[in-house]
N, C-alpha and C. Protein backbone atom coordinates (compact mmCIF):
# COMPACT_ATOMS: atom_id res chain seq x y z
N MET A 1 -4.40 -31.59 -15.73
CA MET A 1 -4.33 -30.70 -16.18
C MET A 1 -2.80 -29.74 -15.38
N ALA A 2 -1.84 -28.95 -16.12
CA ALA A 2 -0.24 -29.06 -15.99
C ALA A 2 -0.05 -28.03 -15.23
N LYS A 3 0.82 -28.30 -14.11
CA LYS A 3 0.88 -27.16 -12.87
C LYS A 3 1.63 -26.34 -13.57
N LYS A 4 1.87 -24.90 -13.41
CA LYS A 4 2.74 -23.87 -13.87
C LYS A 4 3.52 -23.69 -13.08
N ALA A 5 4.66 -23.21 -13.37
CA ALA A 5 5.49 -22.91 -12.44
C ALA A 5 5.60 -21.37 -12.09
N VAL A 6 5.73 -20.95 -10.65
CA VAL A 6 5.46 -19.10 -10.49
C VAL A 6 6.85 -18.63 -10.38
N LYS A 7 7.33 -17.22 -10.57
CA LYS A 7 8.14 -17.08 -9.97
C LYS A 7 8.04 -16.42 -9.39
N GLY A 8 8.79 -15.90 -8.08
CA GLY A 8 8.60 -15.10 -7.46
C GLY A 8 10.16 -14.54 -7.06
N LYS A 9 10.37 -13.24 -6.28
CA LYS A 9 11.52 -12.47 -5.76
C LYS A 9 11.06 -12.37 -4.69
N ALA A 10 12.43 -13.08 -3.69
CA ALA A 10 12.59 -12.47 -2.48
C ALA A 10 12.29 -10.86 -1.87
N GLY A 11 11.38 -11.14 -0.73
CA GLY A 11 11.07 -9.67 -0.42
C GLY A 11 12.52 -9.16 0.38
N SER A 12 12.09 -7.82 0.75
CA SER A 12 13.21 -6.77 1.37
C SER A 12 13.33 -6.97 2.98
N GLY A 13 11.45 -7.58 3.41
CA GLY A 13 11.09 -7.29 4.63
C GLY A 13 10.50 -6.42 4.93
N ASN A 14 10.51 -5.67 3.97
CA ASN A 14 9.50 -4.18 4.01
C ASN A 14 8.48 -4.12 2.88
N VAL A 15 6.98 -4.87 3.17
CA VAL A 15 6.84 -4.50 2.02
C VAL A 15 6.24 -3.33 1.26
N PHE A 16 6.52 -2.32 2.03
CA PHE A 16 6.48 -0.82 1.58
C PHE A 16 7.06 -0.17 0.28
N ALA A 17 8.47 -0.88 0.74
CA ALA A 17 9.65 -0.95 0.24
C ALA A 17 9.66 -1.36 -1.19
N ASP A 18 9.45 -2.76 -1.09
CA ASP A 18 8.77 -3.58 -2.55
C ASP A 18 7.89 -3.23 -3.06
N LEU A 19 6.96 -2.55 -2.82
CA LEU A 19 6.10 -2.39 -3.79
C LEU A 19 6.44 -0.78 -4.02
N GLY A 20 7.35 -0.53 -3.99
CA GLY A 20 8.32 1.18 -4.37
C GLY A 20 7.22 2.48 -4.05
N LEU A 21 7.00 2.02 -2.52
CA LEU A 21 6.05 3.22 -2.38
C LEU A 21 6.58 3.78 -1.27
N PRO A 22 6.41 5.48 -1.31
CA PRO A 22 7.32 6.47 -0.70
C PRO A 22 7.18 6.68 0.91
N ASN A 23 8.78 6.37 1.25
CA ASN A 23 8.92 6.89 2.50
C ASN A 23 8.86 5.10 3.12
N PRO A 24 9.05 4.24 2.73
CA PRO A 24 8.68 2.68 3.05
C PRO A 24 9.15 2.38 4.62
N GLU A 25 10.71 2.91 5.59
CA GLU A 25 10.51 2.88 6.76
C GLU A 25 9.52 3.29 7.58
N GLN A 26 8.69 4.52 7.22
CA GLN A 26 8.03 5.11 7.95
C GLN A 26 6.81 4.45 8.18
N GLU A 27 6.26 4.17 6.70
CA GLU A 27 5.29 2.87 7.10
C GLU A 27 4.96 1.88 7.38
N LEU A 28 6.54 1.40 7.54
CA LEU A 28 6.41 0.21 8.32
C LEU A 28 6.10 0.61 9.61
N LEU A 29 6.68 1.52 10.30
CA LEU A 29 6.77 2.04 11.80
C LEU A 29 4.86 1.99 11.90
N LYS A 30 4.90 3.11 10.90
CA LYS A 30 3.47 3.13 11.58
C LYS A 30 2.58 1.89 11.38
N ALA A 31 2.76 1.08 10.54
CA ALA A 31 2.45 -0.74 10.27
C ALA A 31 2.63 -0.98 11.87
N GLN A 32 3.59 -1.01 12.29
CA GLN A 32 4.10 -2.03 13.42
C GLN A 32 3.24 -1.64 14.91
N LEU A 33 3.37 0.13 14.88
CA LEU A 33 2.60 0.47 15.73
C LEU A 33 1.61 0.33 15.66
N THR A 34 0.57 0.75 14.61
CA THR A 34 -0.72 0.59 14.58
C THR A 34 -1.35 -1.56 15.32
N LEU A 35 -0.30 -2.33 14.58
CA LEU A 35 -0.88 -3.40 15.21
C LEU A 35 -0.47 -3.72 16.90
N GLN A 36 0.28 -2.97 16.95
CA GLN A 36 0.87 -2.70 18.60
C GLN A 36 -0.65 -2.06 19.32
N ILE A 37 -1.47 -1.43 19.06
CA ILE A 37 -2.73 -0.65 19.36
C ILE A 37 -3.72 -1.47 19.02
N TYR A 38 -3.98 -2.35 17.79
CA TYR A 38 -4.60 -3.11 17.44
C TYR A 38 -5.17 -4.55 18.57
N ARG A 39 -3.42 -4.95 18.88
CA ARG A 39 -3.58 -6.07 20.17
C ARG A 39 -4.02 -5.86 21.42
N ILE A 40 -3.79 -4.66 21.71
CA ILE A 40 -3.95 -4.06 22.93
C ILE A 40 -5.58 -3.82 23.26
N VAL A 41 -6.17 -3.13 22.08
CA VAL A 41 -7.58 -2.80 22.09
C VAL A 41 -8.25 -4.51 22.75
N THR A 42 -8.05 -4.74 21.41
CA THR A 42 -8.20 -6.51 21.44
C THR A 42 -8.30 -7.65 22.77
N ALA A 43 -7.23 -7.29 23.37
CA ALA A 43 -6.62 -8.01 24.35
C ALA A 43 -7.63 -7.41 25.46
N ARG A 44 -7.95 -6.26 25.61
CA ARG A 44 -8.59 -5.54 26.48
C ARG A 44 -10.16 -5.69 26.31
N LYS A 45 -10.35 -5.91 25.32
CA LYS A 45 -11.70 -6.41 24.73
C LYS A 45 -12.86 -4.83 24.69
N LEU A 46 -12.36 -3.90 24.21
CA LEU A 46 -12.52 -2.69 24.19
C LEU A 46 -13.40 -2.31 22.82
N THR A 47 -14.29 -1.52 23.14
CA THR A 47 -15.91 -1.43 21.86
C THR A 47 -14.73 -0.65 21.07
N GLN A 48 -15.03 0.13 19.92
CA GLN A 48 -14.70 0.60 19.27
C GLN A 48 -14.88 2.02 20.35
N ALA A 49 -15.93 2.53 20.49
CA ALA A 49 -16.52 3.20 20.91
C ALA A 49 -15.42 3.99 22.05
N GLN A 50 -15.36 2.70 23.50
CA GLN A 50 -14.43 3.00 24.15
C GLN A 50 -12.78 3.38 23.68
N ALA A 51 -12.46 2.73 23.32
CA ALA A 51 -10.89 2.83 22.53
C ALA A 51 -11.33 4.34 22.25
N GLY A 52 -12.19 4.92 21.66
CA GLY A 52 -12.04 6.43 21.23
C GLY A 52 -12.18 7.16 22.18
N GLN A 53 -12.57 6.80 23.52
CA GLN A 53 -12.32 7.49 24.54
C GLN A 53 -10.86 7.49 25.19
N VAL A 54 -10.66 6.39 24.58
CA VAL A 54 -9.20 6.56 25.89
C VAL A 54 -8.04 6.90 24.90
N LEU A 55 -8.70 6.90 23.14
CA LEU A 55 -7.65 7.48 22.82
C LEU A 55 -7.60 8.87 22.22
N GLY A 56 -8.90 9.59 22.82
CA GLY A 56 -9.58 10.98 22.62
C GLY A 56 -9.82 11.29 20.67
N ILE A 57 -10.26 10.06 20.28
CA ILE A 57 -10.46 10.19 18.79
C ILE A 57 -11.91 9.58 18.30
N LYS A 58 -12.66 10.09 17.40
CA LYS A 58 -13.69 9.25 17.26
C LYS A 58 -13.85 7.82 16.53
N GLN A 59 -15.21 6.97 17.02
CA GLN A 59 -15.33 5.85 16.87
C GLN A 59 -15.10 5.66 15.42
N PRO A 60 -15.39 6.20 14.45
CA PRO A 60 -15.13 6.34 12.74
C PRO A 60 -13.35 5.87 12.67
N HIS A 61 -12.87 6.77 13.04
CA HIS A 61 -11.30 6.84 13.13
C HIS A 61 -10.72 5.24 14.10
N VAL A 62 -11.34 5.03 15.00
CA VAL A 62 -10.68 3.95 15.40
C VAL A 62 -11.19 2.59 14.53
N SER A 63 -11.95 2.40 14.26
CA SER A 63 -12.09 1.79 13.72
C SER A 63 -11.19 1.50 12.14
N ALA A 64 -11.30 2.77 11.48
CA ALA A 64 -10.47 2.74 10.56
C ALA A 64 -8.59 2.54 11.23
N LEU A 65 -8.55 2.88 11.95
CA LEU A 65 -6.96 2.50 12.48
C LEU A 65 -6.67 0.66 12.96
N LEU A 66 -7.73 0.25 13.50
CA LEU A 66 -7.68 -1.18 13.92
C LEU A 66 -8.31 -1.54 12.60
N ARG A 67 -8.41 -1.44 11.43
CA ARG A 67 -8.25 -2.28 10.43
C ARG A 67 -6.83 -1.31 9.14
N ASN A 68 -6.00 -0.73 10.10
CA ASN A 68 -4.77 -0.78 9.51
C ASN A 68 -4.98 0.54 8.45
N ARG A 69 -5.93 1.60 8.63
CA ARG A 69 -6.01 2.32 7.38
C ARG A 69 -5.76 3.52 8.59
N GLY A 70 -4.92 3.61 9.32
CA GLY A 70 -4.83 5.19 9.92
C GLY A 70 -3.69 6.08 9.70
N GLY A 71 -3.35 5.88 7.81
CA GLY A 71 -2.43 6.72 7.61
C GLY A 71 -2.60 7.98 8.09
N GLN A 72 -3.34 8.37 8.42
CA GLN A 72 -3.14 10.00 8.83
C GLN A 72 -3.04 10.27 9.83
N PHE A 73 -2.67 9.54 10.51
CA PHE A 73 -2.03 9.47 12.23
C PHE A 73 -0.36 9.45 11.93
N SER A 74 0.49 10.58 12.62
CA SER A 74 1.51 10.43 12.45
C SER A 74 2.07 9.46 13.31
N VAL A 75 3.45 8.76 13.48
CA VAL A 75 4.46 7.91 13.93
C VAL A 75 4.45 8.63 15.75
N GLY A 76 4.49 9.64 16.05
CA GLY A 76 3.97 10.95 16.66
C GLY A 76 2.99 10.41 17.48
N ARG A 77 1.66 10.85 17.27
CA ARG A 77 0.25 10.12 17.14
C ARG A 77 -0.22 9.01 17.44
N LEU A 78 0.99 7.91 16.91
CA LEU A 78 0.53 6.52 17.39
C LEU A 78 1.22 6.09 18.61
N MET A 79 2.32 6.97 19.00
CA MET A 79 2.66 6.61 20.14
C MET A 79 1.62 7.29 21.15
N GLU A 80 1.65 8.37 21.08
CA GLU A 80 0.57 8.87 22.13
C GLU A 80 -0.50 7.97 22.36
N PHE A 81 -1.20 7.48 21.66
CA PHE A 81 -2.05 6.39 21.81
C PHE A 81 -1.95 4.99 22.53
N LEU A 82 -0.32 4.63 22.02
CA LEU A 82 0.23 3.84 23.14
C LEU A 82 0.07 3.93 24.40
N THR A 83 0.86 5.22 24.71
CA THR A 83 1.29 5.40 26.10
C THR A 83 -0.49 6.21 26.56
N ALA A 84 -1.47 6.39 25.96
CA ALA A 84 -2.60 6.48 26.31
C ALA A 84 -3.42 4.96 26.88
N LEU A 85 -2.76 4.13 26.03
CA LEU A 85 -3.37 2.62 26.28
C LEU A 85 -2.46 2.23 27.87
N GLY A 86 -1.44 3.01 28.52
CA GLY A 86 -0.99 2.45 29.30
C GLY A 86 0.28 1.90 29.22
N HIS A 87 0.86 1.51 28.04
CA HIS A 87 2.16 1.77 27.58
C HIS A 87 3.47 1.98 27.48
N ASP A 88 4.56 2.23 28.15
CA ASP A 88 5.52 3.05 27.92
C ASP A 88 6.11 2.75 26.26
N VAL A 89 6.85 3.85 25.63
CA VAL A 89 7.34 3.61 24.43
C VAL A 89 8.35 4.66 24.16
N THR A 90 9.50 3.43 24.37
CA THR A 90 11.17 4.08 24.09
C THR A 90 11.44 4.01 22.77
N VAL A 91 12.04 5.59 22.06
CA VAL A 91 12.83 5.09 21.05
C VAL A 91 14.12 5.47 21.44
N THR A 92 14.95 4.54 20.60
CA THR A 92 16.48 4.21 20.99
C THR A 92 17.27 4.89 19.75
N VAL A 93 18.00 5.63 19.69
CA VAL A 93 19.31 5.98 18.38
C VAL A 93 20.12 5.62 18.42
N LYS A 94 20.61 4.51 18.08
CA LYS A 94 22.04 4.31 17.67
C LYS A 94 22.65 4.14 16.27
N PRO A 95 23.89 3.98 16.19
CA PRO A 95 25.25 4.20 15.14
C PRO A 95 24.66 3.07 14.10
N ALA A 96 24.05 2.70 12.65
CA ALA A 96 23.62 2.00 11.81
C ALA A 96 25.06 1.16 11.29
N ARG A 97 24.52 0.15 11.12
CA ARG A 97 26.08 -0.81 10.50
C ARG A 97 25.51 -0.78 8.83
N LYS A 98 24.73 0.03 8.65
CA LYS A 98 24.64 0.05 7.17
C LYS A 98 24.53 1.61 6.85
N ARG A 99 25.59 1.68 5.77
CA ARG A 99 24.93 3.20 5.01
C ARG A 99 23.62 4.21 5.58
N VAL A 100 22.25 3.68 5.44
CA VAL A 100 20.84 3.91 5.88
C VAL A 100 20.52 3.59 7.03
N GLY A 101 20.15 4.16 8.03
CA GLY A 101 19.57 3.20 9.00
C GLY A 101 17.94 2.91 9.00
N GLU A 102 17.36 1.80 10.29
CA GLU A 102 15.98 1.25 9.61
C GLU A 102 15.75 1.81 11.05
N MET A 103 14.27 1.48 10.97
CA MET A 103 13.23 1.65 12.12
C MET A 103 12.57 0.33 12.47
N GLU A 104 12.43 0.07 13.86
CA GLU A 104 11.56 -1.04 14.15
C GLU A 104 10.91 -1.00 15.30
N VAL A 105 9.65 -2.04 15.80
CA VAL A 105 9.30 -1.49 17.07
C VAL A 105 9.32 -2.99 17.30
N VAL A 106 10.17 -3.11 18.91
CA VAL A 106 10.06 -4.27 19.48
C VAL A 106 8.85 -4.20 20.70
N ALA A 107 8.34 -5.26 20.66
CA ALA A 107 7.19 -5.24 21.85
C ALA A 107 7.38 -6.02 22.92
N GLY A 108 7.27 -5.92 24.22
CA GLY A 108 7.46 -6.05 25.47
C GLY A 108 6.62 -7.04 26.35
């Protein structure tokens, strides 16, 4: 069986932009914040019901959030979840090196 070469294209670093989705920077930021929430909940070994009590949301919403299906939550709400989980959230605004700025999450 002959091997077939597969052509690929280098990604931009933002899968949401590569897929042509609207607001790709915001979607990437939400995904990064959601990942941090997932890591904290997992590290604490919280059940979804326990996480829901901490976050002030129902268990089905926690389930969706932990599977990165929390698109209904705003960036602000995700930051509130992180503070409810006992983490500080810092937003830094600085001049961009390019014409259009970027958003990122730096976990410490």
